[in-house]
Amino acid sequence: MQLQQLAYFVAVAETRHFTHAAERTRVAQPSLSKQIKALETELGAPLFSRARGNVTLTPAGEALLPLARRMLADAETARREVAELAGLRKGRVRLGATPSLCAGLLGDALARYHRDYPGVELRVEEGGSRDLVRDLARGQLDLALIILPLHSSDPSLVTEEILREDLVVASAAGQGRKANMRIEDLRGRPLVMFRRGYDLREATLTACRQAGFEPRFSVEGGEMDAVLRFVEAGLGIAVVPSMVLDGRPGLVGTPLVPGLRRTVALAHRKDVEPTRAARAFRATLLAFLAEEGTLPRGIDALAHG
């Protein structure tokens, strides 16, 4: 089994078309088909069904696809790790982060890292924690900033708690501001709610249900920026991390009593040692968080040895 064969297999699986896969991998279509056939012969099972011109994965192909993606990602990581041995003059960090972290402190941490290691390529994937955990497991990310607790019992991940932050009730400026609110105060109030899969959605729903009521939505289905804009427009209120309100004069945040907090962790795969570039990013991020005055009010960095 060759890596190039796996690359051809993944290309066909993702495009569901042999000609398009050949174009993507820059190889002649007959050569690609020949390599796929050799792979099927070696594995002893067909990987694709080609009925009536439609290309679909067989059960064997479905089983191989996540493994092939991971093997290709690991091979790329190995190549880059070897290239980095001469020093961090080049390399790559594939970082996943939730939208609130991308909109908050991550920009400053990335700017510091880029200043120290300008030759390292930075790729940031924004998404919910569940999506990021999946991408980590597939080998598509080196590191991810996710929200704990995980909604997966996947034992292949290592998580390191790095900070805790307050969740606050965001409302449009000019609507009057209370010193604090209770979860019960959200009963009957129109809420702007995140799309399904957001940890903030689940945290809000759980807190309301524990208080004995179902929340009322005025709008739902948005990403972070959309939710904040809808709140600014007066469509409702939303439970959000305190950090995302920095630099938004059109919004105010009201603390919840008792406090509602969430924990942010840095995660990576247990079975693959992070590259030098990824380890350097971790060190830069932790040093940034530890500096006095770096973090907005309501966010606490967790000490690391």
C-alpha atoms as a PDB file:
ATOM      1  CA  MET A   1       0.000   0.000   0.000  1.00  0.00           C
ATOM      2  CA  GLN A   2       1.552   3.274  -1.129  1.00  0.00           C
ATOM      3  CA  LEU A   3       0.805   6.777   0.099  1.00  0.00           C
ATOM      4  CA  GLN A   4       0.210   7.914  -3.470  1.00  0.00           C
ATOM      5  CA  GLN A   5      -2.434   5.227  -3.888  1.00  0.00           C
ATOM      6  CA  LEU A   6      -4.144   6.442  -0.730  1.00  0.00           C
ATOM      7  CA  ALA A   7      -4.023  10.028  -2.032  1.00  0.00           C
ATOM      8  CA  TYR A   8      -5.712   8.911  -5.264  1.00  0.00           C
ATOM      9  CA  PHE A   9      -8.302   6.938  -3.280  1.00  0.00           C
ATOM     10  CA  VAL A  10      -9.150   9.946  -1.065  1.00  0.00           C
ATOM     11  CA  ALA A  11      -9.420  12.218  -4.108  1.00  0.00           C
ATOM     12  CA  VAL A  12     -11.913   9.878  -5.785  1.00  0.00           C
ATOM     13  CA  ALA A  13     -13.854   9.451  -2.520  1.00  0.00           C
ATOM     14  CA  GLU A  14     -14.169  13.214  -2.080  1.00  0.00           C
ATOM     15  CA  THR A  15     -14.975  14.102  -5.708  1.00  0.00           C
ATOM     16  CA  ARG A  16     -16.954  10.933  -6.497  1.00  0.00           C
ATOM     17  CA  HIS A  17     -15.481  11.210  -9.978  1.00  0.00           C
ATOM     18  CA  PHE A  18     -12.350   9.580 -11.412  1.00  0.00           C
ATOM     19  CA  THR A  19     -11.637  12.322 -13.962  1.00  0.00           C
ATOM     20  CA  HIS A  20     -12.035  15.117 -11.418  1.00  0.00           C
ATOM     21  CA  ALA A  21      -9.839  13.212  -8.975  1.00  0.00           C
ATOM     22  CA  ALA A  22      -7.156  12.846 -11.639  1.00  0.00           C
ATOM     23  CA  GLU A  23      -7.278  16.592 -12.286  1.00  0.00           C
ATOM     24  CA  ARG A  24      -6.984  17.328  -8.580  1.00  0.00           C
ATOM     25  CA  THR A  25      -3.971  15.043  -8.128  1.00  0.00           C
ATOM     26  CA  ARG A  26      -2.416  16.077 -11.470  1.00  0.00           C
ATOM     27  CA  VAL A  27      -2.141  12.587 -12.910  1.00  0.00           C
ATOM     28  CA  ALA A  28      -3.550  10.984 -16.028  1.00  0.00           C
ATOM     29  CA  GLN A  29      -6.926   9.390 -15.391  1.00  0.00           C
ATOM     30  CA  PRO A  30      -5.874   5.908 -16.655  1.00  0.00           C
ATOM     31  CA  SER A  31      -2.883   5.960 -14.273  1.00  0.00           C
ATOM     32  CA  LEU A  32      -5.121   6.908 -11.360  1.00  0.00           C
ATOM     33  CA  SER A  33      -7.594   4.141 -12.199  1.00  0.00           C
ATOM     34  CA  LYS A  34      -4.742   1.637 -12.452  1.00  0.00           C
ATOM     35  CA  GLN A  35      -3.416   2.589  -8.998  1.00  0.00           C
ATOM     36  CA  ILE A  36      -6.895   2.367  -7.456  1.00  0.00           C
ATOM     37  CA  LYS A  37      -7.301  -1.105  -8.990  1.00  0.00           C
ATOM     38  CA  ALA A  38      -3.907  -2.164  -7.597  1.00  0.00           C
ATOM     39  CA  LEU A  39      -4.946  -0.927  -4.155  1.00  0.00           C
ATOM     40  CA  GLU A  40      -8.212  -2.870  -4.338  1.00  0.00           C
ATOM     41  CA  THR A  41      -6.314  -5.996  -5.379  1.00  0.00           C
ATOM     42  CA  GLU A  42      -3.891  -5.642  -2.485  1.00  0.00           C
ATOM     43  CA  LEU A  43      -6.701  -5.118   0.025  1.00  0.00           C
ATOM     44  CA  GLY A  44      -8.808  -7.888  -1.454  1.00  0.00           C
ATOM     45  CA  ALA A  45     -11.995  -5.851  -1.722  1.00  0.00           C
ATOM     46  CA  PRO A  46     -13.525  -3.272  -4.078  1.00  0.00           C
ATOM     47  CA  LEU A  47     -13.425   0.290  -2.717  1.00  0.00           C
ATOM     48  CA  PHE A  48     -15.876   1.911  -5.133  1.00  0.00           C
ATOM     49  CA  SER A  49     -19.135   0.982  -6.763  1.00  0.00           C
ATOM     50  CA  ARG A  50     -19.335   2.294 -10.340  1.00  0.00           C
ATOM     51  CA  ALA A  51     -22.965   1.542 -11.188  1.00  0.00           C
ATOM     52  CA  ARG A  52     -24.467   3.617 -14.031  1.00  0.00           C
ATOM     53  CA  GLY A  53     -21.689   6.170 -13.943  1.00  0.00           C
ATOM     54  CA  ASN A  54     -22.196   6.975 -10.263  1.00  0.00           C
ATOM     55  CA  VAL A  55     -19.134   6.486  -8.074  1.00  0.00           C
ATOM     56  CA  THR A  56     -19.942   5.577  -4.468  1.00  0.00           C
ATOM     57  CA  LEU A  57     -17.936   4.044  -1.663  1.00  0.00           C
ATOM     58  CA  THR A  58     -18.389   0.386  -0.824  1.00  0.00           C
ATOM     59  CA  PRO A  59     -18.393  -0.675   2.844  1.00  0.00           C
ATOM     60  CA  ALA A  60     -14.674  -1.398   2.487  1.00  0.00           C
ATOM     61  CA  GLY A  61     -14.132   2.086   1.056  1.00  0.00           C
ATOM     62  CA  GLU A  62     -16.119   3.679   3.894  1.00  0.00           C
ATOM     63  CA  ALA A  63     -13.908   1.870   6.406  1.00  0.00           C
ATOM     64  CA  LEU A  64     -10.681   2.870   4.654  1.00  0.00           C
ATOM     65  CA  LEU A  65     -11.474   6.575   4.111  1.00  0.00           C
ATOM     66  CA  PRO A  66     -10.875   7.929   7.657  1.00  0.00           C
ATOM     67  CA  LEU A  67      -7.768   5.750   8.007  1.00  0.00           C
ATOM     68  CA  ALA A  68      -6.384   6.949   4.670  1.00  0.00           C
ATOM     69  CA  ARG A  69      -6.972  10.586   5.587  1.00  0.00           C
ATOM     70  CA  ARG A  70      -5.159  10.092   8.870  1.00  0.00           C
ATOM     71  CA  MET A  71      -2.224   8.269   7.263  1.00  0.00           C
ATOM     72  CA  LEU A  72      -1.790  11.020   4.668  1.00  0.00           C
ATOM     73  CA  ALA A  73      -1.986  13.720   7.339  1.00  0.00           C
ATOM     74  CA  ASP A  74       0.566  11.892   9.494  1.00  0.00           C
ATOM     75  CA  ALA A  75       2.927  11.522   6.527  1.00  0.00           C
ATOM     76  CA  GLU A  76       2.707  15.266   5.855  1.00  0.00           C
ATOM     77  CA  THR A  77       3.370  15.978   9.532  1.00  0.00           C
ATOM     78  CA  ALA A  78       6.436  13.721   9.435  1.00  0.00           C
ATOM     79  CA  ARG A  79       7.789  15.499   6.365  1.00  0.00           C
ATOM     80  CA  ARG A  80       7.376  18.890   7.986  1.00  0.00           C
ATOM     81  CA  GLU A  81       8.885  17.737  11.283  1.00  0.00           C
ATOM     82  CA  VAL A  82      12.022  16.571   9.496  1.00  0.00           C
ATOM     83  CA  ALA A  83      12.185  19.852   7.585  1.00  0.00           C
ATOM     84  CA  GLU A  84      12.035  21.742  10.890  1.00  0.00           C
ATOM     85  CA  LEU A  85      15.109  20.048  12.349  1.00  0.00           C
ATOM     86  CA  ALA A  86      17.281  22.853  11.003  1.00  0.00           C
ATOM     87  CA  GLY A  87      15.301  25.297  13.117  1.00  0.00           C
ATOM     88  CA  LEU A  88      11.935  27.014  12.920  1.00  0.00           C
ATOM     89  CA  ARG A  89      12.797  28.892   9.759  1.00  0.00           C
ATOM     90  CA  LYS A  90       9.896  27.082   8.119  1.00  0.00           C
ATOM     91  CA  GLY A  91       7.080  24.789   9.074  1.00  0.00           C
ATOM     92  CA  ARG A  92       3.329  24.862   9.536  1.00  0.00           C
ATOM     93  CA  VAL A  93       0.820  25.041  12.355  1.00  0.00           C
ATOM     94  CA  ARG A  94      -2.760  23.985  11.653  1.00  0.00           C
ATOM     95  CA  LEU A  95      -4.771  25.432  14.529  1.00  0.00           C
ATOM     96  CA  GLY A  96      -8.454  25.029  15.219  1.00  0.00           C
ATOM     97  CA  ALA A  97     -10.336  27.460  17.453  1.00  0.00           C
ATOM     98  CA  THR A  98     -13.892  28.338  18.366  1.00  0.00           C
ATOM     99  CA  PRO A  99     -15.366  31.559  16.895  1.00  0.00           C
ATOM    100  CA  SER A 100     -15.316  33.374  20.245  1.00  0.00           C
ATOM    101  CA  LEU A 101     -11.592  32.718  20.669  1.00  0.00           C
ATOM    102  CA  CYS A 102     -10.891  33.773  17.081  1.00  0.00           C
ATOM    103  CA  ALA A 103     -12.762  37.005  17.725  1.00  0.00           C
ATOM    104  CA  GLY A 104     -11.043  37.511  21.081  1.00  0.00           C
ATOM    105  CA  LEU A 105      -7.540  36.830  22.314  1.00  0.00           C
ATOM    106  CA  LEU A 106      -6.275  34.556  19.531  1.00  0.00           C
ATOM    107  CA  GLY A 107      -5.326  37.368  17.155  1.00  0.00           C
ATOM    108  CA  ASP A 108      -2.787  38.879  19.551  1.00  0.00           C
ATOM    109  CA  ALA A 109      -1.250  35.476  20.343  1.00  0.00           C
ATOM    110  CA  LEU A 110      -0.919  34.641  16.648  1.00  0.00           C
ATOM    111  CA  ALA A 111       0.672  38.032  15.946  1.00  0.00           C
ATOM    112  CA  ARG A 112       3.322  37.374  18.600  1.00  0.00           C
ATOM    113  CA  TYR A 113       4.036  33.916  17.209  1.00  0.00           C
ATOM    114  CA  HIS A 114       4.320  35.244  13.666  1.00  0.00           C
ATOM    115  CA  ARG A 115       6.739  37.910  14.851  1.00  0.00           C
ATOM    116  CA  ASP A 116       8.982  35.293  16.477  1.00  0.00           C
ATOM    117  CA  TYR A 117       8.658  32.664  13.714  1.00  0.00           C
ATOM    118  CA  PRO A 118       7.877  34.527  10.472  1.00  0.00           C
ATOM    119  CA  GLY A 119       8.750  31.542   8.288  1.00  0.00           C
ATOM    120  CA  VAL A 120       6.114  29.270   9.826  1.00  0.00           C
ATOM    121  CA  GLU A 121       2.856  29.016   7.908  1.00  0.00           C
ATOM    122  CA  LEU A 122      -0.231  29.539  10.070  1.00  0.00           C
ATOM    123  CA  ARG A 123      -3.554  27.976   9.141  1.00  0.00           C
ATOM    124  CA  VAL A 124      -6.570  28.654  11.359  1.00  0.00           C
ATOM    125  CA  GLU A 125      -9.759  26.600  11.134  1.00  0.00           C
ATOM    126  CA  GLU A 126     -12.749  28.182  12.871  1.00  0.00           C
ATOM    127  CA  GLY A 127     -15.496  25.900  14.114  1.00  0.00           C
ATOM    128  CA  GLY A 128     -17.396  24.462  17.045  1.00  0.00           C
ATOM    129  CA  SER A 129     -15.612  22.205  19.519  1.00  0.00           C
ATOM    130  CA  ARG A 130     -17.282  19.061  18.182  1.00  0.00           C
ATOM    131  CA  ASP A 131     -16.128  19.793  14.631  1.00  0.00           C
ATOM    132  CA  LEU A 132     -12.611  20.600  15.827  1.00  0.00           C
ATOM    133  CA  VAL A 133     -12.366  17.366  17.828  1.00  0.00           C
ATOM    134  CA  ARG A 134     -13.374  15.448  14.703  1.00  0.00           C
ATOM    135  CA  ASP A 135     -10.753  17.254  12.599  1.00  0.00           C
ATOM    136  CA  LEU A 136      -8.075  16.550  15.204  1.00  0.00           C
ATOM    137  CA  ALA A 137      -8.922  12.851  15.170  1.00  0.00           C
ATOM    138  CA  ARG A 138      -8.667  12.818  11.367  1.00  0.00           C
ATOM    139  CA  GLY A 139      -5.224  14.395  11.459  1.00  0.00           C
ATOM    140  CA  GLN A 140      -6.419  17.605   9.777  1.00  0.00           C
ATOM    141  CA  LEU A 141      -5.291  19.820  12.679  1.00  0.00           C
ATOM    142  CA  ASP A 142      -2.152  19.925  14.832  1.00  0.00           C
ATOM    143  CA  LEU A 143      -3.733  21.741  17.789  1.00  0.00           C
ATOM    144  CA  ALA A 144      -7.193  22.975  18.705  1.00  0.00           C
ATOM    145  CA  LEU A 145      -8.608  25.343  21.283  1.00  0.00           C
ATOM    146  CA  ILE A 146     -11.815  23.676  22.438  1.00  0.00           C
ATOM    147  CA  ILE A 147     -14.392  23.968  25.188  1.00  0.00           C
ATOM    148  CA  LEU A 148     -14.572  21.409  27.991  1.00  0.00           C
ATOM    149  CA  PRO A 149     -16.111  19.066  28.812  1.00  0.00           C
ATOM    150  CA  LEU A 150     -15.807  17.161  25.553  1.00  0.00           C
ATOM    151  CA  HIS A 151     -18.983  15.694  24.107  1.00  0.00           C
ATOM    152  CA  SER A 152     -16.919  12.738  22.940  1.00  0.00           C
ATOM    153  CA  SER A 153     -15.193  10.017  24.920  1.00  0.00           C
ATOM    154  CA  ASP A 154     -12.457   9.767  22.282  1.00  0.00           C
ATOM    155  CA  PRO A 155      -9.380   8.557  24.224  1.00  0.00           C
ATOM    156  CA  SER A 156      -6.997   9.578  21.429  1.00  0.00           C
ATOM    157  CA  LEU A 157      -6.931  13.256  22.484  1.00  0.00           C
ATOM    158  CA  VAL A 158      -4.857  15.033  25.102  1.00  0.00           C
ATOM    159  CA  THR A 159      -6.466  18.150  26.580  1.00  0.00           C
ATOM    160  CA  GLU A 160      -4.728  20.825  28.616  1.00  0.00           C
ATOM    161  CA  GLU A 161      -6.869  23.392  30.441  1.00  0.00           C
ATOM    162  CA  ILE A 162      -5.507  26.887  29.772  1.00  0.00           C
ATOM    163  CA  LEU A 163      -8.153  29.399  30.879  1.00  0.00           C
ATOM    164  CA  ARG A 164     -11.591  29.907  32.359  1.00  0.00           C
ATOM    165  CA  GLU A 165     -13.926  32.695  31.382  1.00  0.00           C
ATOM    166  CA  ASP A 166     -17.231  34.136  32.509  1.00  0.00           C
ATOM    167  CA  LEU A 167     -20.348  33.901  30.389  1.00  0.00           C
ATOM    168  CA  VAL A 168     -22.434  37.075  30.455  1.00  0.00           C
ATOM    169  CA  VAL A 169     -25.787  38.213  29.103  1.00  0.00           C
ATOM    170  CA  ALA A 170     -25.219  40.486  26.119  1.00  0.00           C
ATOM    171  CA  SER A 171     -27.807  43.142  25.326  1.00  0.00           C
ATOM    172  CA  ALA A 172     -27.978  46.225  23.152  1.00  0.00           C
ATOM    173  CA  ALA A 173     -26.535  49.386  24.678  1.00  0.00           C
ATOM    174  CA  GLY A 174     -29.183  51.879  25.728  1.00  0.00           C
ATOM    175  CA  GLN A 175     -31.690  49.288  26.920  1.00  0.00           C
ATOM    176  CA  GLY A 176     -30.747  49.816  30.555  1.00  0.00           C
ATOM    177  CA  ARG A 177     -28.204  47.813  32.470  1.00  0.00           C
ATOM    178  CA  LYS A 178     -28.625  45.741  35.612  1.00  0.00           C
ATOM    179  CA  ALA A 179     -25.830  45.022  38.065  1.00  0.00           C
ATOM    180  CA  ASN A 180     -26.378  41.299  37.479  1.00  0.00           C
ATOM    181  CA  MET A 181     -28.918  38.757  36.296  1.00  0.00           C
ATOM    182  CA  ARG A 182     -29.995  35.261  37.240  1.00  0.00           C
ATOM    183  CA  ILE A 183     -30.682  32.511  34.737  1.00  0.00           C
ATOM    184  CA  GLU A 184     -34.318  32.709  35.871  1.00  0.00           C
ATOM    185  CA  ASP A 185     -34.409  36.281  34.543  1.00  0.00           C
ATOM    186  CA  LEU A 186     -34.126  34.880  31.017  1.00  0.00           C
ATOM    187  CA  ARG A 187     -37.546  33.224  31.327  1.00  0.00           C
ATOM    188  CA  GLY A 188     -39.829  34.693  28.673  1.00  0.00           C
ATOM    189  CA  ARG A 189     -37.126  37.006  27.296  1.00  0.00           C
ATOM    190  CA  PRO A 190     -36.393  36.736  23.558  1.00  0.00           C
ATOM    191  CA  LEU A 191     -33.019  35.065  23.054  1.00  0.00           C
ATOM    192  CA  VAL A 192     -30.764  35.221  20.025  1.00  0.00           C
ATOM    193  CA  MET A 193     -29.520  31.649  19.849  1.00  0.00           C
ATOM    194  CA  PHE A 194     -26.492  30.088  18.187  1.00  0.00           C
ATOM    195  CA  ARG A 195     -26.771  27.331  15.613  1.00  0.00           C
ATOM    196  CA  ARG A 196     -26.863  23.698  16.663  1.00  0.00           C
ATOM    197  CA  GLY A 197     -23.412  22.336  17.507  1.00  0.00           C
ATOM    198  CA  TYR A 198     -22.279  25.467  19.364  1.00  0.00           C
ATOM    199  CA  ASP A 199     -21.211  24.760  22.938  1.00  0.00           C
ATOM    200  CA  LEU A 200     -22.735  28.098  23.953  1.00  0.00           C
ATOM    201  CA  ARG A 201     -26.113  26.923  22.731  1.00  0.00           C
ATOM    202  CA  GLU A 202     -25.902  23.755  24.800  1.00  0.00           C
ATOM    203  CA  ALA A 203     -24.646  25.661  27.875  1.00  0.00           C
ATOM    204  CA  THR A 204     -27.537  28.132  27.668  1.00  0.00           C
ATOM    205  CA  LEU A 205     -30.191  25.462  27.111  1.00  0.00           C
ATOM    206  CA  THR A 206     -28.844  23.324  29.974  1.00  0.00           C
ATOM    207  CA  ALA A 207     -28.777  26.263  32.402  1.00  0.00           C
ATOM    208  CA  CYS A 208     -32.342  27.295  31.510  1.00  0.00           C
ATOM    209  CA  ARG A 209     -33.677  23.763  31.813  1.00  0.00           C
ATOM    210  CA  GLN A 210     -31.974  23.295  35.161  1.00  0.00           C
ATOM    211  CA  ALA A 211     -33.792  26.466  36.243  1.00  0.00           C
ATOM    212  CA  GLY A 212     -37.081  24.850  35.190  1.00  0.00           C
ATOM    213  CA  PHE A 213     -38.011  26.526  31.903  1.00  0.00           C
ATOM    214  CA  GLU A 214     -37.549  26.352  28.144  1.00  0.00           C
ATOM    215  CA  PRO A 215     -36.024  29.514  26.647  1.00  0.00           C
ATOM    216  CA  ARG A 216     -37.852  31.512  23.967  1.00  0.00           C
ATOM    217  CA  PHE A 217     -35.917  32.223  20.777  1.00  0.00           C
ATOM    218  CA  SER A 218     -36.368  35.350  18.701  1.00  0.00           C
ATOM    219  CA  VAL A 219     -33.721  34.267  16.175  1.00  0.00           C
ATOM    220  CA  GLU A 220     -31.645  31.112  16.039  1.00  0.00           C
ATOM    221  CA  GLY A 221     -29.031  29.537  13.816  1.00  0.00           C
ATOM    222  CA  GLY A 222     -26.327  32.206  13.779  1.00  0.00           C
ATOM    223  CA  GLU A 223     -22.557  32.159  14.052  1.00  0.00           C
ATOM    224  CA  MET A 224     -20.835  34.345  16.670  1.00  0.00           C
ATOM    225  CA  ASP A 225     -20.624  37.541  14.624  1.00  0.00           C
ATOM    226  CA  ALA A 226     -24.224  37.220  13.442  1.00  0.00           C
ATOM    227  CA  VAL A 227     -25.509  36.640  16.978  1.00  0.00           C
ATOM    228  CA  LEU A 228     -23.735  39.757  18.259  1.00  0.00           C
ATOM    229  CA  ARG A 229     -25.061  41.849  15.381  1.00  0.00           C
ATOM    230  CA  PHE A 230     -28.612  40.629  15.983  1.00  0.00           C
ATOM    231  CA  VAL A 231     -28.314  41.563  19.658  1.00  0.00           C
ATOM    232  CA  GLU A 232     -26.996  45.020  18.703  1.00  0.00           C
ATOM    233  CA  ALA A 233     -30.045  45.412  16.466  1.00  0.00           C
ATOM    234  CA  GLY A 234     -32.327  44.809  19.451  1.00  0.00           C
ATOM    235  CA  LEU A 235     -33.666  41.411  18.380  1.00  0.00           C
ATOM    236  CA  GLY A 236     -32.998  39.890  21.786  1.00  0.00           C
ATOM    237  CA  ILE A 237     -30.318  39.014  24.305  1.00  0.00           C
ATOM    238  CA  ALA A 238     -27.709  36.253  24.240  1.00  0.00           C
ATOM    239  CA  VAL A 239     -25.421  34.385  26.627  1.00  0.00           C
ATOM    240  CA  VAL A 240     -21.873  34.877  25.329  1.00  0.00           C
ATOM    241  CA  PRO A 241     -18.251  34.779  26.562  1.00  0.00           C
ATOM    242  CA  SER A 242     -17.225  38.068  28.127  1.00  0.00           C
ATOM    243  CA  MET A 243     -14.196  38.414  25.818  1.00  0.00           C
ATOM    244  CA  VAL A 244     -16.258  38.891  22.651  1.00  0.00           C
ATOM    245  CA  LEU A 245     -17.754  42.159  23.929  1.00  0.00           C
ATOM    246  CA  ASP A 246     -14.405  43.959  23.910  1.00  0.00           C
ATOM    247  CA  GLY A 247     -14.427  46.664  21.255  1.00  0.00           C
ATOM    248  CA  ARG A 248     -18.210  46.525  20.770  1.00  0.00           C
ATOM    249  CA  PRO A 249     -19.658  49.747  22.189  1.00  0.00           C
ATOM    250  CA  GLY A 250     -23.099  48.788  20.924  1.00  0.00           C
ATOM    251  CA  LEU A 251     -23.283  45.925  23.419  1.00  0.00           C
ATOM    252  CA  VAL A 252     -23.186  45.617  27.193  1.00  0.00           C
ATOM    253  CA  GLY A 253     -22.548  42.494  29.237  1.00  0.00           C
ATOM    254  CA  THR A 254     -24.388  41.712  32.453  1.00  0.00           C
ATOM    255  CA  PRO A 255     -22.812  39.175  34.846  1.00  0.00           C
ATOM    256  CA  LEU A 256     -24.832  36.127  35.818  1.00  0.00           C
ATOM    257  CA  VAL A 257     -25.407  35.281  39.493  1.00  0.00           C
ATOM    258  CA  PRO A 258     -24.383  32.665  40.361  1.00  0.00           C
ATOM    259  CA  GLY A 259     -21.635  32.842  37.784  1.00  0.00           C
ATOM    260  CA  LEU A 260     -21.706  30.713  34.660  1.00  0.00           C
ATOM    261  CA  ARG A 261     -18.213  29.864  33.414  1.00  0.00           C
ATOM    262  CA  ARG A 262     -16.580  27.724  30.790  1.00  0.00           C
ATOM    263  CA  THR A 263     -13.147  26.120  30.481  1.00  0.00           C
ATOM    264  CA  VAL A 264     -10.971  26.422  27.385  1.00  0.00           C
ATOM    265  CA  ALA A 265      -8.399  23.712  26.655  1.00  0.00           C
ATOM    266  CA  LEU A 266      -5.623  23.185  24.147  1.00  0.00           C
ATOM    267  CA  ALA A 267      -5.958  19.739  22.561  1.00  0.00           C
ATOM    268  CA  HIS A 268      -3.869  17.492  20.336  1.00  0.00           C
ATOM    269  CA  ARG A 269      -3.785  13.843  19.339  1.00  0.00           C
ATOM    270  CA  LYS A 270      -2.261  11.476  21.855  1.00  0.00           C
ATOM    271  CA  ASP A 271      -0.739   9.168  19.255  1.00  0.00           C
ATOM    272  CA  VAL A 272       1.130  11.890  17.328  1.00  0.00           C
ATOM    273  CA  GLU A 273       3.722  14.143  18.934  1.00  0.00           C
ATOM    274  CA  PRO A 274       3.053  17.782  17.950  1.00  0.00           C
ATOM    275  CA  THR A 275       5.623  19.240  15.576  1.00  0.00           C
ATOM    276  CA  ARG A 276       8.264  21.673  16.768  1.00  0.00           C
ATOM    277  CA  ALA A 277       6.265  24.500  15.220  1.00  0.00           C
ATOM    278  CA  ALA A 278       3.128  23.402  17.123  1.00  0.00           C
ATOM    279  CA  ARG A 279       5.057  23.053  20.391  1.00  0.00           C
ATOM    280  CA  ALA A 280       6.486  26.530  19.905  1.00  0.00           C
ATOM    281  CA  PHE A 281       2.976  27.894  19.402  1.00  0.00           C
ATOM    282  CA  ARG A 282       1.833  26.278  22.655  1.00  0.00           C
ATOM    283  CA  ALA A 283       4.736  27.927  24.503  1.00  0.00           C
ATOM    284  CA  THR A 284       3.972  31.298  22.924  1.00  0.00           C
ATOM    285  CA  LEU A 285       0.267  31.048  23.778  1.00  0.00           C
ATOM    286  CA  LEU A 286       0.864  30.075  27.413  1.00  0.00           C
ATOM    287  CA  ALA A 287       3.428  32.860  27.859  1.00  0.00           C
ATOM    288  CA  PHE A 288       0.963  35.337  26.367  1.00  0.00           C
ATOM    289  CA  LEU A 289      -1.837  34.228  28.697  1.00  0.00           C
ATOM    290  CA  ALA A 290       0.439  34.398  31.750  1.00  0.00           C
ATOM    291  CA  GLU A 291       1.367  38.053  31.247  1.00  0.00           C
ATOM    292  CA  GLU A 292      -0.283  40.435  33.675  1.00  0.00           C
ATOM    293  CA  GLY A 293      -2.799  42.713  32.031  1.00  0.00           C
ATOM    294  CA  THR A 294      -3.117  40.623  28.871  1.00  0.00           C
ATOM    295  CA  LEU A 295      -6.537  39.151  29.508  1.00  0.00           C
ATOM    296  CA  PRO A 296      -9.804  41.065  29.697  1.00  0.00           C
ATOM    297  CA  ARG A 297     -11.818  41.131  32.895  1.00  0.00           C
ATOM    298  CA  GLY A 298     -13.671  37.878  33.564  1.00  0.00           C
ATOM    299  CA  ILE A 299     -10.977  35.617  32.114  1.00  0.00           C
ATOM    300  CA  ASP A 300      -8.476  33.719  34.248  1.00  0.00           C
ATOM    301  CA  ALA A 301      -5.417  31.931  32.883  1.00  0.00           C
ATOM    302  CA  LEU A 302      -4.640  28.590  34.488  1.00  0.00           C
ATOM    303  CA  ALA A 303      -1.067  28.185  35.727  1.00  0.00           C
ATOM    304  CA  HIS A 304       1.245  25.715  33.999  1.00  0.00           C
ATOM    305  CA  GLY A 305       4.582  24.409  35.142  1.00  0.00           C
END
